[in-house]
Amino acid sequence: MIPPPAPKARWWARLWHEWTLVVLGGLALAALVTWPTLRHPATTIPSDIGDPTMQAWQMAWSGHALRTDPLSLWQANAFFPEANSFAFTDTLLGYAPAGLIGSGPVAALVRYNVVFVLAVALAFVGAYALVRQLGAGRVAGALAGAGFACAPWRLAQAGHLQVLSTGGIALALAMLARGHGWSLRHGYRPDRVRPGWAVAGWCVAAWQLSLGFGIGVPFGYVLGLVCVVALVGWLRRRPPLTRRLLLADGVGLTVFLAVAAFMASPYLRVAEQFPYVRRSWQDLTWTSPPLRGFFTSPSTSIVWGDMFADARADLGHRGEVSLLPGYTLYALAALGLVLSVWTLRQRLLLAAAVVASIVLGMGTQGPGGGRFTYGLPYVLPGFDGIRTPGRLVVWTTLLLAVLAAGSVTALARRIAWRPAALALALLPLLAMAEGLNTTPHPSVPAAPPVLATAEAPLLVLPSGATIDGIPMLWATDRFPAMVNGAAAFTPPRQGAARAAALHFPDASSVALLRATGVRSVVVVRDQVVGTPYEGTIWGTTSGLPLTRVDTPEAVVYLLDP
């Protein structure tokens, strides 16, 4: 009888297990390519202080709502007095568990920075798991993980955490494939079926959807297409399916559809109240990239940034149309067309899918004005709420990673000469290097102390679509009702309040704010300087139904009820 391994030996084996190393490697890679995000996580934030501060508020609000009043989740404190205001943009609701940890602006900043890094790590682990499940080798898995997590286009989206959070897509597909005993190299193998993994895959897919519909809607349709293809394949050959697997798919699909319905409900109410949130075909013209956008790097790429300066200048809205997946992926995917462990048919289908994803991602810049390319999914429910077709580059990158993994696996099987094998192992580093960047990490201004006690509902000045994330973040200590709010659109009452506040305090602006229900206006001295709201610092209250309170950091105007 063989004695069981000693406890120390078991722990050592677990430490050196493939998946332990993959997770640790993903965390190390994420910390490196996002540096200096974790250097000063309590005072700085990646990219800019616009959308990221708003998204830090989102995670804080979802945690606060779950902790205090889950039924009021969609009735956020921002955008007063509007209803369903938490559904005015992608919510990152899947990160709500993180929002349960800590409270206040500092906790919100630290939480955001940690999740920002973990999103990159999850993208690495998810892509690695997917190509390994499909039949690729370990080096190929590392290449796919690095290519997917460090794709240069992600640098242009550094201020959009919902776009960076795509690891759940690859991980869900990997789990679903494993649960169904399927891989590209071996097809369906009934003895490899794992119903528990299938349920987990559907749950991860539901979690991915809860992060936002901008990425989640196309993912949902891809899952639907995968199900149709799988059903057609089963009808052709009718391989045996166990009741446990069918039950697992039933349970998992129910969870996914329930989450989709839960998420869609408030968005449909918002679309009914504000019909213009649906993107017209003309709206897409501004953010639709030409073909060269998929070969152009963002400016913050250390490797490619300077080289593509002229190309970016020609592209216009550079943040949404500099969509380079990575030249390492392009080169190895091209090699994968002639040398790969995938079959020729599979390679051609993958290549066709890459081309299709690029053509669809071009939106109105596609062939024939995109009417018969992106125009086809545009008529499907949900697509008219997506303003950036180029974000379909997520799928371009993942498909290129699968193609590249096939070629790297084939090369690894053929190479016996050790120096050449070592060079092959360096390929993931090339993909990672394309993600090295100079993304700025500005300091986030501290909240004026008086904001913690100002009577709500309140309006913080200055206010604007690109700067309201800051007062939203400041409000995470007590979540007072506030007119401020940043989202994908501006509600008419918020726009009217901002316009009226340009002349505050005068009779008309005070009357409008009082009618809206505002009880105090907080003018932040150092923030308002140089903006159209600068005059509000020197406002007088003579003859007006309000009281002025001066503090070193802010001026507070208290409106009489």
Protein backbone atom coordinates (compact mmCIF):
# COMPACT_ATOMS: atom_id res chain seq x y z
CA MET A 1 0.00 0.00 0.00
CA ILE A 2 1.36 3.43 -1.01
CA PRO A 3 1.30 5.86 1.93
CA PRO A 4 -0.50 9.19 1.37
CA PRO A 5 1.73 12.19 0.65
CA ALA A 6 2.83 14.27 3.62
CA PRO A 7 0.90 17.53 4.23
CA LYS A 8 3.93 19.59 3.22
CA ALA A 9 4.19 17.67 -0.05
CA ARG A 10 0.48 18.26 -0.76
CA TRP A 11 0.81 22.02 -0.22
CA TRP A 12 3.93 22.12 -2.37
CA ALA A 13 2.09 20.30 -5.16
CA ARG A 14 -0.81 22.74 -4.93
CA LEU A 15 1.55 25.70 -5.03
CA TRP A 16 3.11 24.43 -8.25
CA HIS A 17 -0.20 23.36 -9.77
CA GLU A 18 -0.81 24.84 -13.22
CA TRP A 19 -3.84 26.86 -12.16
CA THR A 20 -2.17 28.25 -9.05
CA LEU A 21 0.68 29.50 -11.21
CA VAL A 22 -1.76 30.89 -13.78
CA VAL A 23 -3.67 32.90 -11.17
CA LEU A 24 -0.48 34.18 -9.54
CA GLY A 25 0.98 34.98 -12.95
CA GLY A 26 -2.18 36.83 -13.94
CA LEU A 27 -2.06 38.92 -10.76
CA ALA A 28 1.62 39.74 -11.29
CA LEU A 29 1.06 40.66 -14.93
CA ALA A 30 -1.94 42.83 -14.02
CA ALA A 31 -0.01 44.70 -11.33
CA LEU A 32 2.82 45.33 -13.80
CA VAL A 33 0.84 46.55 -16.80
CA THR A 34 -1.45 48.75 -14.67
CA TRP A 35 1.36 50.25 -12.58
CA PRO A 36 1.30 52.67 -10.79
CA THR A 37 -2.38 51.98 -10.02
CA LEU A 38 -1.51 50.24 -6.74
CA ARG A 39 1.14 52.76 -5.76
CA HIS A 40 -1.23 55.33 -4.26
CA PRO A 41 -4.65 53.64 -4.46
CA ALA A 42 -6.24 55.92 -1.85
CA THR A 43 -5.50 59.19 -3.65
CA THR A 44 -5.08 58.54 -7.40
CA ILE A 45 -7.13 56.92 -10.14
CA PRO A 46 -6.22 55.60 -13.62
CA SER A 47 -6.71 57.62 -16.80
CA ASP A 48 -8.67 60.68 -15.61
CA ILE A 49 -11.03 61.93 -12.91
CA GLY A 50 -14.13 61.81 -15.13
CA ASP A 51 -15.68 58.39 -15.77
CA PRO A 52 -13.44 56.51 -13.29
CA THR A 53 -14.66 58.54 -10.31
CA MET A 54 -18.24 57.98 -11.44
CA GLN A 55 -17.59 54.24 -11.65
CA ALA A 56 -16.01 54.27 -8.20
CA TRP A 57 -19.32 55.78 -7.04
CA GLN A 58 -21.24 53.03 -8.86
CA MET A 59 -19.53 50.25 -6.92
CA ALA A 60 -19.97 52.17 -3.70
CA TRP A 61 -23.68 52.81 -4.37
CA SER A 62 -24.47 49.19 -5.24
CA GLY A 63 -22.82 47.99 -2.05
CA HIS A 64 -24.58 50.67 0.00
CA ALA A 65 -27.96 49.78 -1.52
CA LEU A 66 -27.51 46.05 -0.90
CA ARG A 67 -26.49 46.76 2.68
CA THR A 68 -29.26 49.24 3.52
CA ASP A 69 -32.20 48.92 1.11
CA PRO A 70 -31.85 46.42 -1.76
CA LEU A 71 -35.29 47.28 -3.12
CA SER A 72 -34.07 50.83 -3.84
CA LEU A 73 -31.03 49.70 -5.81
CA TRP A 74 -32.06 51.50 -9.00
CA GLN A 75 -33.11 54.69 -7.16
CA ALA A 76 -29.63 56.17 -6.71
CA ASN A 77 -28.85 59.36 -4.84
CA ALA A 78 -27.51 61.03 -8.01
CA PHE A 79 -29.57 62.79 -10.70
CA PHE A 80 -32.15 64.03 -8.19
CA PRO A 81 -35.13 64.06 -8.68
CA GLU A 82 -35.08 61.43 -11.46
CA ALA A 83 -36.20 57.83 -10.91
CA ASN A 84 -34.21 54.72 -11.91
CA SER A 85 -31.09 56.86 -12.10
CA PHE A 86 -28.72 53.96 -11.41
CA ALA A 87 -29.72 52.63 -14.83
CA PHE A 88 -28.67 55.77 -16.71
CA THR A 89 -25.48 53.98 -17.82
CA ASP A 90 -23.71 50.63 -17.38
CA THR A 91 -23.77 49.87 -13.67
CA LEU A 92 -20.89 47.47 -12.92
CA LEU A 93 -23.46 45.76 -10.71
CA GLY A 94 -21.43 42.54 -10.73
CA TYR A 95 -18.87 44.30 -8.55
CA ALA A 96 -21.47 45.02 -5.85
CA PRO A 97 -19.89 42.51 -3.41
CA ALA A 98 -16.75 44.67 -3.44
CA GLY A 99 -18.95 47.67 -2.62
CA LEU A 100 -19.91 46.01 0.67
CA ILE A 101 -16.34 46.49 1.91
CA GLY A 102 -15.63 49.87 3.44
CA SER A 103 -17.41 53.20 3.06
CA GLY A 104 -16.58 56.73 2.05
CA PRO A 105 -14.51 58.27 -0.75
CA VAL A 106 -11.17 56.74 0.25
CA ALA A 107 -12.63 53.25 0.37
CA ALA A 108 -14.31 53.88 -2.98
CA LEU A 109 -10.99 54.87 -4.55
CA VAL A 110 -9.09 51.90 -3.14
CA ARG A 111 -11.89 49.57 -4.19
CA TYR A 112 -11.89 50.92 -7.73
CA ASN A 113 -8.12 50.64 -8.12
CA VAL A 114 -8.03 47.07 -6.82
CA VAL A 115 -10.86 46.00 -9.13
CA PHE A 116 -9.17 47.80 -12.04
CA VAL A 117 -6.12 45.58 -11.57
CA LEU A 118 -8.14 42.42 -10.96
CA ALA A 119 -10.07 42.98 -14.21
CA VAL A 120 -6.81 42.62 -16.14
CA ALA A 121 -5.86 39.51 -14.15
CA LEU A 122 -9.24 37.92 -14.87
CA ALA A 123 -8.85 38.63 -18.59
CA PHE A 124 -5.52 36.75 -18.53
CA VAL A 125 -6.89 33.79 -16.58
CA GLY A 126 -10.07 33.61 -18.68
CA ALA A 127 -8.28 33.58 -22.04
CA TYR A 128 -5.71 31.08 -20.73
CA ALA A 129 -8.48 28.77 -19.51
CA LEU A 130 -10.37 29.04 -22.79
CA VAL A 131 -7.54 28.08 -25.13
CA ARG A 132 -6.37 25.33 -22.78
CA GLN A 133 -9.87 23.87 -22.77
CA LEU A 134 -9.96 24.12 -26.56
CA GLY A 135 -6.78 22.03 -26.75
CA ALA A 136 -3.84 24.45 -26.80
CA GLY A 137 -0.64 24.04 -24.78
CA ARG A 138 0.56 25.96 -21.74
CA VAL A 139 2.78 28.42 -23.60
CA ALA A 140 -0.06 29.04 -26.02
CA GLY A 141 -2.35 29.63 -23.06
CA ALA A 142 0.04 32.21 -21.64
CA LEU A 143 0.27 33.87 -25.06
CA ALA A 144 -3.51 34.03 -25.40
CA GLY A 145 -3.91 35.32 -21.84
CA ALA A 146 -1.29 38.04 -22.29
CA GLY A 147 -2.61 39.00 -25.72
CA PHE A 148 -6.20 39.28 -24.51
CA ALA A 149 -5.38 41.06 -21.23
CA CYS A 150 -2.71 43.42 -22.63
CA ALA A 151 -4.18 44.28 -26.03
CA PRO A 152 -3.16 47.87 -26.90
CA TRP A 153 -6.75 48.96 -27.58
CA ARG A 154 -7.46 48.52 -23.87
CA LEU A 155 -5.21 51.48 -23.11
CA ALA A 156 -7.66 53.81 -24.84
CA GLN A 157 -10.39 52.40 -22.58
CA ALA A 158 -8.47 52.88 -19.32
CA GLY A 159 -11.25 55.14 -18.09
CA HIS A 160 -14.00 52.63 -18.89
CA LEU A 161 -13.85 49.78 -16.42
CA GLN A 162 -16.95 48.17 -17.91
CA VAL A 163 -15.09 47.77 -21.22
CA LEU A 164 -11.95 46.41 -19.57
CA SER A 165 -13.98 43.87 -17.60
CA THR A 166 -14.14 41.17 -20.27
CA GLY A 167 -12.42 38.29 -18.51
CA GLY A 168 -15.78 36.79 -17.62
CA ILE A 169 -16.52 36.31 -21.33
CA ALA A 170 -13.52 34.04 -21.92
CA LEU A 171 -13.89 32.30 -18.55
CA ALA A 172 -17.60 31.57 -19.08
CA LEU A 173 -16.92 30.09 -22.53
CA ALA A 174 -14.12 27.95 -21.07
CA MET A 175 -16.36 26.66 -18.28
CA LEU A 176 -19.23 25.94 -20.64
CA ALA A 177 -16.93 24.05 -23.00
CA ARG A 178 -15.48 22.05 -20.11
CA GLY A 179 -18.91 21.33 -18.70
CA HIS A 180 -20.05 19.95 -22.04
CA GLY A 181 -16.89 17.91 -22.58
CA TRP A 182 -16.03 19.79 -25.76
CA SER A 183 -12.81 21.08 -27.26
CA LEU A 184 -11.65 22.18 -30.71
CA ARG A 185 -9.08 19.39 -30.96
CA HIS A 186 -11.22 16.50 -29.74
CA GLY A 187 -14.82 17.57 -30.25
CA TYR A 188 -17.51 16.26 -27.93
CA ARG A 189 -16.42 13.56 -25.49
CA PRO A 190 -19.27 12.26 -23.27
CA ASP A 191 -16.81 10.91 -20.70
CA ARG A 192 -15.50 14.44 -20.14
CA VAL A 193 -18.91 15.99 -19.41
CA ARG A 194 -19.01 17.91 -16.11
CA PRO A 195 -22.49 19.33 -15.39
CA GLY A 196 -21.22 21.39 -12.46
CA TRP A 197 -18.85 23.28 -14.76
CA ALA A 198 -21.75 23.95 -17.13
CA VAL A 199 -23.79 25.57 -14.35
CA ALA A 200 -20.74 27.58 -13.28
CA GLY A 201 -20.22 28.74 -16.85
CA TRP A 202 -23.77 30.04 -17.12
CA CYS A 203 -23.41 31.80 -13.74
CA VAL A 204 -20.17 33.49 -14.81
CA ALA A 205 -21.89 34.54 -18.05
CA ALA A 206 -24.72 36.06 -15.99
CA TRP A 207 -22.18 37.89 -13.83
CA GLN A 208 -20.46 39.24 -16.95
CA LEU A 209 -23.81 40.51 -18.23
CA SER A 210 -24.42 42.30 -14.93
CA LEU A 211 -21.32 44.44 -15.48
CA GLY A 212 -22.96 46.29 -18.35
CA PHE A 213 -24.97 45.87 -21.51
CA GLY A 214 -22.44 47.64 -23.74
CA ILE A 215 -20.27 44.52 -23.68
CA GLY A 216 -22.95 42.17 -22.37
CA VAL A 217 -25.49 42.48 -25.19
CA PRO A 218 -23.13 41.20 -27.92
CA PHE A 219 -21.96 38.49 -25.51
CA GLY A 220 -25.54 37.37 -24.97
CA TYR A 221 -26.12 37.06 -28.70
CA VAL A 222 -22.85 35.16 -29.14
CA LEU A 223 -24.00 32.71 -26.47
CA GLY A 224 -27.28 32.35 -28.34
CA LEU A 225 -25.42 31.67 -31.59
CA VAL A 226 -23.23 29.08 -29.84
CA CYS A 227 -26.37 27.35 -28.53
CA VAL A 228 -27.90 27.27 -32.01
CA VAL A 229 -24.73 25.84 -33.55
CA ALA A 230 -24.47 23.25 -30.76
CA LEU A 231 -28.12 22.25 -31.26
CA VAL A 232 -27.66 21.86 -35.02
CA GLY A 233 -24.52 19.79 -34.43
CA TRP A 234 -26.36 17.57 -31.98
CA LEU A 235 -29.29 17.05 -34.36
CA ARG A 236 -26.88 15.91 -37.07
CA ARG A 237 -25.12 13.26 -34.97
CA ARG A 238 -27.33 12.87 -31.87
CA PRO A 239 -24.57 11.99 -29.39
CA PRO A 240 -25.74 10.87 -25.94
CA LEU A 241 -26.63 13.59 -23.43
CA THR A 242 -27.11 12.86 -19.75
CA ARG A 243 -30.06 14.11 -17.77
CA ARG A 244 -27.67 15.80 -15.36
CA LEU A 245 -26.17 17.86 -18.19
CA LEU A 246 -29.59 18.84 -19.51
CA LEU A 247 -30.67 19.79 -15.99
CA ALA A 248 -27.48 21.79 -15.53
CA ASP A 249 -28.09 23.69 -18.74
CA GLY A 250 -31.68 24.30 -17.75
CA VAL A 251 -30.72 25.69 -14.37
CA GLY A 252 -27.81 27.71 -15.75
CA LEU A 253 -29.81 29.19 -18.62
CA THR A 254 -32.61 30.11 -16.22
CA VAL A 255 -30.11 31.98 -14.03
CA PHE A 256 -28.69 33.79 -17.04
CA LEU A 257 -32.11 34.80 -18.37
CA ALA A 258 -33.29 35.87 -14.91
CA VAL A 259 -30.27 38.16 -14.52
CA ALA A 260 -30.84 39.51 -18.03
CA ALA A 261 -34.48 40.29 -17.23
CA PHE A 262 -33.57 41.86 -13.87
CA MET A 263 -30.98 44.08 -15.55
CA ALA A 264 -33.12 44.97 -18.56
CA SER A 265 -36.21 46.06 -16.63
CA PRO A 266 -34.94 49.43 -15.30
CA TYR A 267 -33.18 50.18 -18.59
CA LEU A 268 -36.44 49.71 -20.48
CA ARG A 269 -38.14 52.10 -18.08
CA VAL A 270 -35.40 54.65 -18.63
CA ALA A 271 -35.66 54.25 -22.42
CA GLU A 272 -39.41 54.81 -22.16
CA GLN A 273 -38.91 57.96 -20.12
CA PHE A 274 -36.01 59.28 -22.24
CA PRO A 275 -36.44 57.86 -25.77
CA TYR A 276 -33.34 59.65 -27.04
CA VAL A 277 -31.07 57.26 -25.09
CA ARG A 278 -31.51 54.85 -28.00
CA ARG A 279 -28.71 55.45 -30.50
CA SER A 280 -29.83 56.39 -33.99
CA TRP A 281 -27.88 55.22 -37.00
CA GLN A 282 -26.52 58.74 -37.40
CA ASP A 283 -25.29 58.72 -33.78
CA LEU A 284 -22.99 55.80 -34.58
CA THR A 285 -21.07 57.73 -37.23
CA TRP A 286 -18.98 59.57 -34.66
CA THR A 287 -17.66 56.44 -32.93
CA SER A 288 -17.46 54.03 -35.89
CA PRO A 289 -13.82 53.30 -36.77
CA PRO A 290 -12.42 52.82 -40.28
CA LEU A 291 -10.46 49.65 -41.02
CA ARG A 292 -7.12 51.31 -40.22
CA GLY A 293 -8.37 51.86 -36.67
CA PHE A 294 -7.84 48.16 -36.01
CA PHE A 295 -4.16 48.63 -36.81
CA THR A 296 -3.65 51.88 -34.88
CA SER A 297 -2.41 52.06 -31.30
CA PRO A 298 -3.55 54.45 -28.56
CA SER A 299 -1.13 57.20 -27.59
CA THR A 300 -0.30 55.72 -24.17
CA SER A 301 1.29 52.57 -25.58
CA ILE A 302 5.01 52.58 -24.81
CA VAL A 303 5.76 50.29 -27.76
CA TRP A 304 3.50 51.74 -30.46
CA GLY A 305 2.21 55.10 -29.20
CA ASP A 306 4.60 57.50 -30.95
CA MET A 307 4.69 55.47 -34.14
CA PHE A 308 0.96 55.95 -34.75
CA ALA A 309 0.63 59.62 -33.82
CA ASP A 310 -0.21 60.73 -37.37
CA ALA A 311 -2.65 57.87 -37.86
CA ARG A 312 -4.49 58.76 -34.65
CA ALA A 313 -4.72 62.39 -35.71
CA ASP A 314 -6.51 61.28 -38.88
CA LEU A 315 -8.94 59.07 -36.96
CA GLY A 316 -10.62 61.87 -35.02
CA HIS A 317 -12.25 60.44 -31.87
CA ARG A 318 -9.10 58.57 -30.93
CA GLY A 319 -10.34 57.06 -27.69
CA GLU A 320 -12.93 54.93 -29.44
CA VAL A 321 -11.28 54.16 -32.77
CA SER A 322 -7.65 53.30 -31.90
CA LEU A 323 -8.38 49.59 -31.73
CA LEU A 324 -5.14 47.68 -32.25
CA PRO A 325 -5.49 44.14 -30.79
CA GLY A 326 -1.72 43.70 -30.93
CA TYR A 327 0.74 42.94 -33.69
CA THR A 328 1.96 39.85 -31.82
CA LEU A 329 -1.53 38.40 -32.06
CA TYR A 330 -1.88 39.43 -35.69
CA ALA A 331 1.42 37.78 -36.66
CA LEU A 332 0.85 34.53 -34.79
CA ALA A 333 -2.78 34.33 -35.93
CA ALA A 334 -1.60 34.72 -39.55
CA LEU A 335 0.92 31.94 -38.95
CA GLY A 336 -1.92 29.89 -37.51
CA LEU A 337 -3.62 29.84 -40.89
CA VAL A 338 -0.83 27.65 -42.29
CA LEU A 339 0.56 25.95 -39.16
CA SER A 340 -1.78 25.02 -36.34
CA VAL A 341 -3.16 22.20 -34.22
CA TRP A 342 -6.62 23.29 -35.28
CA THR A 343 -8.01 21.66 -38.41
CA LEU A 344 -8.04 23.59 -41.68
CA ARG A 345 -11.81 23.95 -41.45
CA GLN A 346 -11.56 25.31 -37.92
CA ARG A 347 -8.82 27.75 -38.93
CA LEU A 348 -10.87 29.06 -41.82
CA LEU A 349 -13.93 29.47 -39.62
CA LEU A 350 -11.88 31.32 -36.99
CA ALA A 351 -10.36 33.57 -39.65
CA ALA A 352 -13.81 34.29 -41.06
CA ALA A 353 -15.03 35.15 -37.56
CA VAL A 354 -12.09 37.55 -37.10
CA VAL A 355 -12.94 39.31 -40.36
CA ALA A 356 -16.63 39.42 -39.43
CA SER A 357 -15.87 40.93 -36.02
CA ILE A 358 -13.75 43.65 -37.62
CA VAL A 359 -16.36 44.45 -40.27
CA LEU A 360 -19.11 44.60 -37.64
CA GLY A 361 -16.89 46.67 -35.36
CA MET A 362 -16.50 49.25 -38.14
CA GLY A 363 -20.16 50.18 -37.66
CA THR A 364 -21.22 52.79 -40.20
CA GLN A 365 -17.70 52.73 -41.69
CA GLY A 366 -18.22 49.17 -42.90
CA PRO A 367 -18.75 48.18 -46.54
CA GLY A 368 -21.73 49.98 -48.06
CA GLY A 369 -22.03 52.31 -45.09
CA GLY A 370 -22.48 49.34 -42.76
CA ARG A 371 -26.14 48.88 -43.62
CA PHE A 372 -25.70 45.19 -44.45
CA THR A 373 -22.99 44.51 -41.88
CA TYR A 374 -23.48 46.26 -38.53
CA GLY A 375 -26.98 47.12 -39.69
CA LEU A 376 -27.97 43.45 -39.25
CA PRO A 377 -27.35 43.17 -35.47
CA TYR A 378 -28.42 46.81 -35.02
CA VAL A 379 -32.06 45.77 -35.45
CA LEU A 380 -31.79 43.25 -32.60
CA PRO A 381 -33.07 44.26 -29.15
CA GLY A 382 -30.40 46.04 -27.13
CA PHE A 383 -28.05 47.01 -29.95
CA ASP A 384 -29.67 50.43 -30.39
CA GLY A 385 -28.41 51.30 -26.91
CA ILE A 386 -24.75 50.70 -27.84
CA ARG A 387 -22.98 53.85 -28.97
CA THR A 388 -19.57 52.36 -29.82
CA PRO A 389 -19.48 49.57 -32.44
CA GLY A 390 -15.69 49.47 -32.18
CA ARG A 391 -15.91 47.76 -28.80
CA LEU A 392 -16.63 44.56 -30.69
CA VAL A 393 -12.82 44.48 -30.91
CA VAL A 394 -13.15 42.39 -27.74
CA TRP A 395 -14.21 39.52 -30.00
CA THR A 396 -11.56 40.29 -32.60
CA THR A 397 -8.91 40.01 -29.89
CA LEU A 398 -10.28 36.78 -28.42
CA LEU A 399 -10.58 35.10 -31.82
CA LEU A 400 -7.06 36.18 -32.78
CA ALA A 401 -5.85 34.74 -29.47
CA VAL A 402 -7.44 31.37 -30.27
CA LEU A 403 -5.89 31.33 -33.75
CA ALA A 404 -2.51 32.33 -32.35
CA ALA A 405 -2.73 29.65 -29.65
CA GLY A 406 -3.15 27.02 -32.35
CA SER A 407 0.04 28.08 -34.10
CA VAL A 408 2.09 28.35 -30.89
CA THR A 409 0.94 24.88 -29.81
CA ALA A 410 1.95 23.46 -33.20
CA LEU A 411 5.36 25.15 -32.98
CA ALA A 412 5.92 23.81 -29.46
CA ARG A 413 5.21 20.27 -30.64
CA ARG A 414 7.70 20.55 -33.50
CA ILE A 415 10.59 22.25 -31.73
CA ALA A 416 13.05 19.97 -29.97
CA TRP A 417 16.03 22.37 -29.88
CA ARG A 418 16.08 23.95 -26.42
CA PRO A 419 17.16 27.50 -27.36
CA ALA A 420 14.34 27.64 -29.90
CA ALA A 421 11.91 26.30 -27.29
CA LEU A 422 13.05 29.03 -24.90
CA ALA A 423 12.49 31.67 -27.58
CA LEU A 424 8.97 30.29 -28.06
CA ALA A 425 8.33 30.66 -24.34
CA LEU A 426 9.17 34.37 -24.67
CA LEU A 427 6.23 35.00 -27.03
CA PRO A 428 3.84 35.78 -24.15
CA LEU A 429 6.28 38.49 -23.06
CA LEU A 430 6.02 40.10 -26.50
CA ALA A 431 2.24 40.24 -26.16
CA MET A 432 2.55 41.61 -22.64
CA ALA A 433 5.03 44.28 -23.78
CA GLU A 434 2.41 45.71 -26.14
CA GLY A 435 0.31 46.49 -23.07
CA LEU A 436 2.99 48.50 -21.28
CA ASN A 437 1.78 52.06 -21.07
CA THR A 438 2.04 55.59 -19.79
CA THR A 439 -1.54 55.89 -18.60
CA PRO A 440 -1.79 58.93 -16.31
CA HIS A 441 -2.90 58.50 -12.70
CA PRO A 442 -4.15 61.93 -11.57
CA SER A 443 -4.77 62.73 -7.93
CA VAL A 444 -8.43 62.95 -6.96
CA PRO A 445 -9.34 66.18 -5.16
CA ALA A 446 -10.46 65.83 -1.58
CA ALA A 447 -14.04 66.68 -0.65
CA PRO A 448 -14.70 69.97 1.14
CA PRO A 449 -15.57 69.08 4.77
CA VAL A 450 -18.83 71.02 4.63
CA LEU A 451 -20.18 68.58 2.05
CA ALA A 452 -20.53 65.99 4.81
CA THR A 453 -23.20 68.11 6.53
CA ALA A 454 -24.78 70.15 3.74
CA GLU A 455 -28.53 69.73 3.66
CA ALA A 456 -29.83 67.49 0.89
CA PRO A 457 -31.02 67.51 -1.83
CA LEU A 458 -28.02 69.49 -2.97
CA LEU A 459 -26.19 70.71 -6.04
CA VAL A 460 -22.39 70.85 -6.14
CA LEU A 461 -20.77 73.40 -8.44
CA PRO A 462 -19.11 73.21 -10.87
CA SER A 463 -21.31 70.62 -12.57
CA GLY A 464 -21.01 68.92 -15.94
CA ALA A 465 -21.22 65.55 -17.67
CA THR A 466 -17.45 65.04 -17.55
CA ILE A 467 -16.81 66.33 -14.04
CA ASP A 468 -19.79 65.22 -11.95
CA GLY A 469 -18.04 61.97 -11.11
CA ILE A 470 -16.03 63.88 -8.51
CA PRO A 471 -18.98 65.08 -6.37
CA MET A 472 -20.57 61.66 -6.84
CA LEU A 473 -17.43 60.11 -5.35
CA TRP A 474 -17.38 62.67 -2.54
CA ALA A 475 -20.96 61.72 -1.66
CA THR A 476 -20.10 58.07 -0.92
CA ASP A 477 -19.83 58.80 2.81
CA ARG A 478 -23.59 59.34 3.27
CA PHE A 479 -25.11 59.29 -0.27
CA PRO A 480 -27.20 62.48 -0.03
CA ALA A 481 -29.69 63.17 -2.80
CA MET A 482 -27.93 65.38 -5.34
CA VAL A 483 -28.65 66.90 -8.74
CA ASN A 484 -25.12 66.01 -9.87
CA GLY A 485 -24.65 62.89 -11.93
CA ALA A 486 -22.60 61.65 -14.88
CA ALA A 487 -23.98 59.17 -17.37
CA ALA A 488 -24.45 58.41 -21.04
CA PHE A 489 -27.00 61.24 -21.38
CA THR A 490 -28.20 64.36 -19.58
CA PRO A 491 -31.81 64.38 -18.28
CA PRO A 492 -33.66 67.61 -19.14
CA ARG A 493 -34.15 68.66 -15.50
CA GLN A 494 -30.47 68.21 -14.76
CA GLY A 495 -29.56 70.19 -17.86
CA ALA A 496 -31.93 72.97 -16.81
CA ALA A 497 -30.45 73.06 -13.31
CA ARG A 498 -26.90 73.31 -14.68
CA ALA A 499 -27.91 76.09 -17.06
CA ALA A 500 -29.71 78.02 -14.35
CA ALA A 501 -26.76 77.66 -11.99
CA LEU A 502 -24.56 79.56 -14.43
CA HIS A 503 -26.28 82.70 -13.12
CA PHE A 504 -26.68 81.56 -9.53
CA PRO A 505 -27.58 83.19 -7.27
CA ASP A 506 -30.24 85.25 -8.98
CA ALA A 507 -34.01 85.20 -8.75
CA SER A 508 -34.64 82.86 -11.68
CA SER A 509 -31.98 80.29 -10.77
CA VAL A 510 -33.04 80.23 -7.12
CA ALA A 511 -36.68 79.77 -8.14
CA LEU A 512 -35.85 76.90 -10.49
CA LEU A 513 -33.67 75.09 -7.94
CA ARG A 514 -36.27 75.53 -5.20
CA ALA A 515 -38.94 74.15 -7.53
CA THR A 516 -36.68 71.17 -8.23
CA GLY A 517 -36.39 70.52 -4.50
CA VAL A 518 -32.77 71.59 -3.98
CA ARG A 519 -32.05 72.69 -0.39
CA SER A 520 -28.39 73.68 -0.68
CA VAL A 521 -25.84 74.65 -3.32
CA VAL A 522 -22.20 73.88 -2.53
CA VAL A 523 -19.67 75.90 -4.55
CA VAL A 524 -16.19 74.33 -4.31
CA ARG A 525 -13.75 77.23 -4.46
CA ASP A 526 -10.71 75.66 -6.11
CA GLN A 527 -12.80 73.60 -8.52
CA VAL A 528 -15.01 76.40 -9.80
CA VAL A 529 -12.15 78.75 -10.70
CA GLY A 530 -11.76 79.02 -14.48
CA THR A 531 -15.21 77.55 -15.19
CA PRO A 532 -18.45 79.30 -16.23
CA TYR A 533 -19.59 78.85 -12.62
CA GLU A 534 -16.78 80.98 -11.15
CA GLY A 535 -19.11 83.90 -10.52
CA THR A 536 -21.10 81.86 -8.00
CA ILE A 537 -18.28 82.34 -5.49
CA TRP A 538 -19.07 86.05 -5.25
CA GLY A 539 -22.85 85.81 -5.23
CA THR A 540 -24.93 87.91 -2.85
CA THR A 541 -28.11 86.86 -1.12
CA SER A 542 -29.72 90.27 -0.90
CA GLY A 543 -33.45 89.95 -1.48
CA LEU A 544 -33.21 86.24 -2.21
CA PRO A 545 -34.71 83.38 -0.11
CA LEU A 546 -31.34 81.85 0.77
CA THR A 547 -28.51 82.06 3.28
CA ARG A 548 -24.80 82.12 2.50
CA VAL A 549 -22.25 80.20 4.62
CA ASP A 550 -18.55 80.66 3.86
CA THR A 551 -15.91 78.05 4.63
CA PRO A 552 -12.25 77.92 3.53
CA GLU A 553 -12.93 75.23 0.92
CA ALA A 554 -16.47 76.06 -0.24
CA VAL A 555 -19.37 78.48 -0.23
CA VAL A 556 -22.70 76.97 0.81
CA TYR A 557 -25.99 78.58 -0.15
CA LEU A 558 -28.94 77.34 1.92
CA LEU A 559 -32.24 77.69 0.05
CA ASP A 560 -35.33 78.43 2.08
CA PRO A 561 -38.05 75.79 1.72
